[in-house]
Amino acid sequence: MQNILVSITGTELDFDSARGMAFSLAEKGNKDTSLVAWHDGIKQKHSPCCVRCELGGRPGWEVYGENHQGRLMIIFNDRQYVFIHT
C-alpha cells in the first residue's frame, strides 16, 4: 500500500473536507476507487469498528483496509485523518 502524506496549514481541516480531498487523490489512479477504511483522530473514531482494536501492533481498521484491496493510505496532518482507498 502506498502512503500519501498531506499537510494542510492556515485553515481548519474537517473530516468531510479531508474525505473529499482523499477521494480526489485516490480517483486519479483508479476511477472506480472505494473508501474501505478511515480514521478520525479528532473524534477517535474509525471504520470498520473491529472487535480487536489492534492486530500485530497496527490498528484493526488499518489492517482491514490493507487486506481489502487498499491501494492508498492518504494521511492528513500527521494522522489527524486517515483514509484507505482501493
N, C-alpha and C. Protein backbone atom coordinates (compact mmCIF):
# COMPACT_ATOMS: atom_id res chain seq x y z
N MET A 1 0.85 -1.17 0.00
CA MET A 1 0.00 0.00 0.00
C MET A 1 0.90 1.23 0.00
N GLN A 2 0.54 2.19 -0.81
CA GLN A 2 1.30 3.44 -0.92
C GLN A 2 0.73 4.48 0.04
N ASN A 3 1.61 5.16 0.75
CA ASN A 3 1.19 6.25 1.64
C ASN A 3 1.32 7.58 0.93
N ILE A 4 0.31 8.42 1.09
CA ILE A 4 0.34 9.80 0.62
C ILE A 4 0.15 10.68 1.85
N LEU A 5 1.12 11.54 2.11
CA LEU A 5 1.07 12.43 3.27
C LEU A 5 0.64 13.82 2.82
N VAL A 6 -0.38 14.36 3.46
CA VAL A 6 -0.91 15.67 3.11
C VAL A 6 -0.89 16.54 4.36
N SER A 7 -0.35 17.74 4.22
CA SER A 7 -0.30 18.69 5.33
C SER A 7 -1.09 19.93 4.95
N ILE A 8 -2.09 20.26 5.73
CA ILE A 8 -2.92 21.44 5.50
C ILE A 8 -2.65 22.42 6.64
N THR A 9 -2.21 23.62 6.29
CA THR A 9 -1.97 24.65 7.30
C THR A 9 -2.71 25.92 6.90
N GLY A 10 -2.95 26.78 7.87
CA GLY A 10 -3.57 28.07 7.59
C GLY A 10 -5.08 28.07 7.64
N THR A 11 -5.69 26.90 7.79
CA THR A 11 -7.14 26.80 7.88
C THR A 11 -7.49 25.53 8.63
N GLU A 12 -8.68 25.51 9.21
CA GLU A 12 -9.15 24.31 9.90
C GLU A 12 -9.48 23.23 8.87
N LEU A 13 -9.13 22.01 9.17
CA LEU A 13 -9.46 20.88 8.31
C LEU A 13 -10.50 20.04 9.03
N ASP A 14 -11.65 19.81 8.38
CA ASP A 14 -12.67 18.96 8.98
C ASP A 14 -12.71 17.62 8.25
N PHE A 15 -13.41 16.66 8.83
CA PHE A 15 -13.46 15.31 8.30
C PHE A 15 -13.99 15.27 6.87
N ASP A 16 -15.10 15.95 6.61
CA ASP A 16 -15.70 15.90 5.28
C ASP A 16 -14.80 16.50 4.21
N SER A 17 -14.11 17.58 4.52
CA SER A 17 -13.17 18.18 3.56
C SER A 17 -12.01 17.24 3.27
N ALA A 18 -11.47 16.64 4.32
CA ALA A 18 -10.37 15.70 4.15
C ALA A 18 -10.82 14.49 3.34
N ARG A 19 -12.01 13.98 3.63
CA ARG A 19 -12.54 12.83 2.89
C ARG A 19 -12.69 13.15 1.40
N GLY A 20 -13.17 14.34 1.08
CA GLY A 20 -13.31 14.74 -0.31
C GLY A 20 -11.98 14.86 -1.02
N MET A 21 -10.99 15.43 -0.34
CA MET A 21 -9.65 15.54 -0.94
C MET A 21 -9.03 14.16 -1.14
N ALA A 22 -9.23 13.28 -0.17
CA ALA A 22 -8.69 11.92 -0.28
C ALA A 22 -9.31 11.21 -1.48
N PHE A 23 -10.61 11.36 -1.66
CA PHE A 23 -11.28 10.73 -2.79
C PHE A 23 -10.71 11.25 -4.11
N SER A 24 -10.51 12.56 -4.22
CA SER A 24 -9.96 13.14 -5.44
C SER A 24 -8.57 12.59 -5.74
N LEU A 25 -7.74 12.46 -4.71
CA LEU A 25 -6.40 11.90 -4.91
C LEU A 25 -6.47 10.43 -5.33
N ALA A 26 -7.32 9.66 -4.69
CA ALA A 26 -7.44 8.23 -5.00
C ALA A 26 -8.01 8.00 -6.39
N GLU A 27 -8.91 8.87 -6.80
CA GLU A 27 -9.58 8.73 -8.10
C GLU A 27 -8.61 8.91 -9.26
N LYS A 28 -7.51 9.62 -9.04
CA LYS A 28 -6.53 9.82 -10.11
C LYS A 28 -5.93 8.51 -10.59
N GLY A 29 -5.78 7.54 -9.69
CA GLY A 29 -5.18 6.26 -10.07
C GLY A 29 -6.19 5.15 -10.27
N ASN A 30 -7.46 5.41 -9.91
CA ASN A 30 -8.50 4.39 -10.02
C ASN A 30 -9.85 5.10 -10.06
N LYS A 31 -10.41 5.22 -11.25
CA LYS A 31 -11.68 5.94 -11.40
C LYS A 31 -12.82 5.30 -10.61
N ASP A 32 -12.67 4.01 -10.29
CA ASP A 32 -13.70 3.29 -9.53
C ASP A 32 -13.28 3.08 -8.08
N THR A 33 -12.51 4.01 -7.53
CA THR A 33 -12.00 3.86 -6.17
C THR A 33 -13.12 3.76 -5.14
N SER A 34 -12.83 3.03 -4.08
CA SER A 34 -13.77 2.91 -2.96
C SER A 34 -13.01 3.18 -1.67
N LEU A 35 -13.69 3.80 -0.74
CA LEU A 35 -13.14 4.02 0.59
C LEU A 35 -13.41 2.75 1.39
N VAL A 36 -12.34 2.07 1.84
CA VAL A 36 -12.52 0.81 2.56
C VAL A 36 -12.30 0.94 4.07
N ALA A 37 -11.59 1.98 4.51
CA ALA A 37 -11.36 2.18 5.94
C ALA A 37 -10.98 3.64 6.17
N TRP A 38 -11.28 4.13 7.38
CA TRP A 38 -10.91 5.50 7.72
C TRP A 38 -10.71 5.63 9.23
N HIS A 39 -10.01 6.72 9.58
CA HIS A 39 -9.76 7.03 10.99
C HIS A 39 -9.90 8.53 11.18
N ASP A 40 -10.65 8.92 12.19
CA ASP A 40 -10.80 10.32 12.59
C ASP A 40 -10.08 10.49 13.92
N GLY A 41 -8.88 11.05 13.87
CA GLY A 41 -8.07 11.21 15.07
C GLY A 41 -8.61 12.24 16.04
N ILE A 42 -9.42 13.18 15.55
CA ILE A 42 -10.01 14.20 16.41
C ILE A 42 -11.07 13.57 17.32
N LYS A 43 -11.97 12.81 16.72
CA LYS A 43 -13.07 12.19 17.48
C LYS A 43 -12.73 10.79 17.98
N GLN A 44 -11.54 10.30 17.61
CA GLN A 44 -11.12 8.94 17.97
C GLN A 44 -12.15 7.90 17.53
N LYS A 45 -12.56 8.03 16.26
CA LYS A 45 -13.49 7.08 15.64
C LYS A 45 -12.83 6.50 14.41
N HIS A 46 -13.26 5.31 14.02
CA HIS A 46 -12.74 4.69 12.82
C HIS A 46 -13.76 3.71 12.26
N SER A 47 -13.55 3.34 11.03
CA SER A 47 -14.39 2.35 10.38
C SER A 47 -13.50 1.49 9.49
N PRO A 48 -13.69 0.19 9.50
CA PRO A 48 -14.70 -0.50 10.30
C PRO A 48 -14.29 -0.57 11.77
N CYS A 49 -15.31 -0.67 12.61
CA CYS A 49 -15.07 -0.84 14.05
C CYS A 49 -14.81 -2.32 14.28
N CYS A 50 -13.57 -2.66 14.53
CA CYS A 50 -13.18 -4.06 14.69
C CYS A 50 -13.28 -4.47 16.14
N VAL A 51 -13.58 -5.74 16.34
CA VAL A 51 -13.64 -6.28 17.70
C VAL A 51 -12.28 -6.14 18.37
N ARG A 52 -11.23 -6.49 17.64
CA ARG A 52 -9.88 -6.34 18.17
C ARG A 52 -9.38 -4.96 17.78
N CYS A 53 -8.98 -4.20 18.74
CA CYS A 53 -8.54 -2.83 18.47
C CYS A 53 -7.18 -2.77 17.79
N GLU A 54 -6.38 -3.82 17.95
CA GLU A 54 -5.03 -3.81 17.41
C GLU A 54 -4.67 -5.21 16.93
N LEU A 55 -4.03 -5.30 15.77
CA LEU A 55 -3.57 -6.57 15.22
C LEU A 55 -2.11 -6.44 14.86
N GLY A 56 -1.26 -7.17 15.53
CA GLY A 56 0.17 -7.11 15.23
C GLY A 56 0.76 -5.74 15.43
N GLY A 57 0.25 -4.99 16.41
CA GLY A 57 0.77 -3.66 16.68
C GLY A 57 0.20 -2.57 15.79
N ARG A 58 -0.70 -2.93 14.88
CA ARG A 58 -1.34 -1.95 13.99
C ARG A 58 -2.83 -1.89 14.29
N PRO A 59 -3.44 -0.72 14.11
CA PRO A 59 -4.89 -0.62 14.34
C PRO A 59 -5.66 -1.58 13.44
N GLY A 60 -6.72 -2.18 13.98
CA GLY A 60 -7.52 -3.13 13.22
C GLY A 60 -8.10 -2.56 11.95
N TRP A 61 -8.57 -1.32 11.98
CA TRP A 61 -9.15 -0.71 10.77
C TRP A 61 -8.11 -0.59 9.66
N GLU A 62 -6.84 -0.34 10.04
CA GLU A 62 -5.76 -0.21 9.05
C GLU A 62 -5.45 -1.56 8.41
N VAL A 63 -5.38 -2.60 9.24
CA VAL A 63 -5.15 -3.96 8.73
C VAL A 63 -6.30 -4.37 7.81
N TYR A 64 -7.52 -4.07 8.21
CA TYR A 64 -8.69 -4.37 7.39
C TYR A 64 -8.56 -3.70 6.02
N GLY A 65 -8.24 -2.42 6.01
CA GLY A 65 -8.11 -1.69 4.75
C GLY A 65 -7.07 -2.30 3.83
N GLU A 66 -5.93 -2.66 4.39
CA GLU A 66 -4.87 -3.27 3.59
C GLU A 66 -5.30 -4.62 3.04
N ASN A 67 -6.02 -5.40 3.85
CA ASN A 67 -6.44 -6.74 3.43
C ASN A 67 -7.67 -6.75 2.54
N HIS A 68 -8.27 -5.60 2.32
CA HIS A 68 -9.44 -5.50 1.46
C HIS A 68 -9.16 -4.56 0.28
N GLN A 69 -8.05 -4.83 -0.37
CA GLN A 69 -7.64 -4.16 -1.61
C GLN A 69 -7.27 -2.70 -1.42
N GLY A 70 -6.88 -2.32 -0.21
CA GLY A 70 -6.41 -0.95 0.00
C GLY A 70 -5.16 -0.70 -0.82
N ARG A 71 -5.21 0.31 -1.65
CA ARG A 71 -4.10 0.67 -2.54
C ARG A 71 -3.38 1.90 -2.04
N LEU A 72 -4.13 2.83 -1.47
CA LEU A 72 -3.57 4.09 -0.99
C LEU A 72 -4.00 4.35 0.44
N MET A 73 -3.05 4.79 1.25
CA MET A 73 -3.38 5.30 2.58
C MET A 73 -3.07 6.79 2.53
N ILE A 74 -4.11 7.60 2.60
CA ILE A 74 -3.96 9.04 2.49
C ILE A 74 -4.07 9.62 3.90
N ILE A 75 -2.96 10.21 4.35
CA ILE A 75 -2.81 10.64 5.74
C ILE A 75 -2.76 12.17 5.78
N PHE A 76 -3.68 12.76 6.53
CA PHE A 76 -3.73 14.21 6.68
C PHE A 76 -3.18 14.62 8.04
N ASN A 77 -2.33 15.65 8.02
CA ASN A 77 -1.85 16.31 9.24
C ASN A 77 -1.43 15.33 10.33
N ASP A 78 -0.46 14.50 9.99
CA ASP A 78 0.13 13.58 10.98
C ASP A 78 -0.93 12.69 11.64
N ARG A 79 -1.78 12.08 10.80
CA ARG A 79 -2.81 11.11 11.21
C ARG A 79 -4.03 11.74 11.88
N GLN A 80 -4.24 13.04 11.66
CA GLN A 80 -5.47 13.67 12.14
C GLN A 80 -6.66 12.95 11.48
N TYR A 81 -6.53 12.70 10.18
CA TYR A 81 -7.50 11.92 9.42
C TYR A 81 -6.71 10.99 8.51
N VAL A 82 -7.20 9.75 8.38
CA VAL A 82 -6.56 8.77 7.50
C VAL A 82 -7.66 8.07 6.71
N PHE A 83 -7.42 7.91 5.40
CA PHE A 83 -8.39 7.25 4.53
C PHE A 83 -7.66 6.20 3.70
N ILE A 84 -8.21 5.00 3.64
CA ILE A 84 -7.64 3.93 2.83
C ILE A 84 -8.59 3.66 1.68
N HIS A 85 -8.06 3.82 0.46
CA HIS A 85 -8.85 3.65 -0.77
C HIS A 85 -8.30 2.52 -1.62
N THR A 86 -9.21 1.92 -2.41
CA THR A 86 -8.80 0.93 -3.39
C THR A 86 -8.24 1.62 -4.60
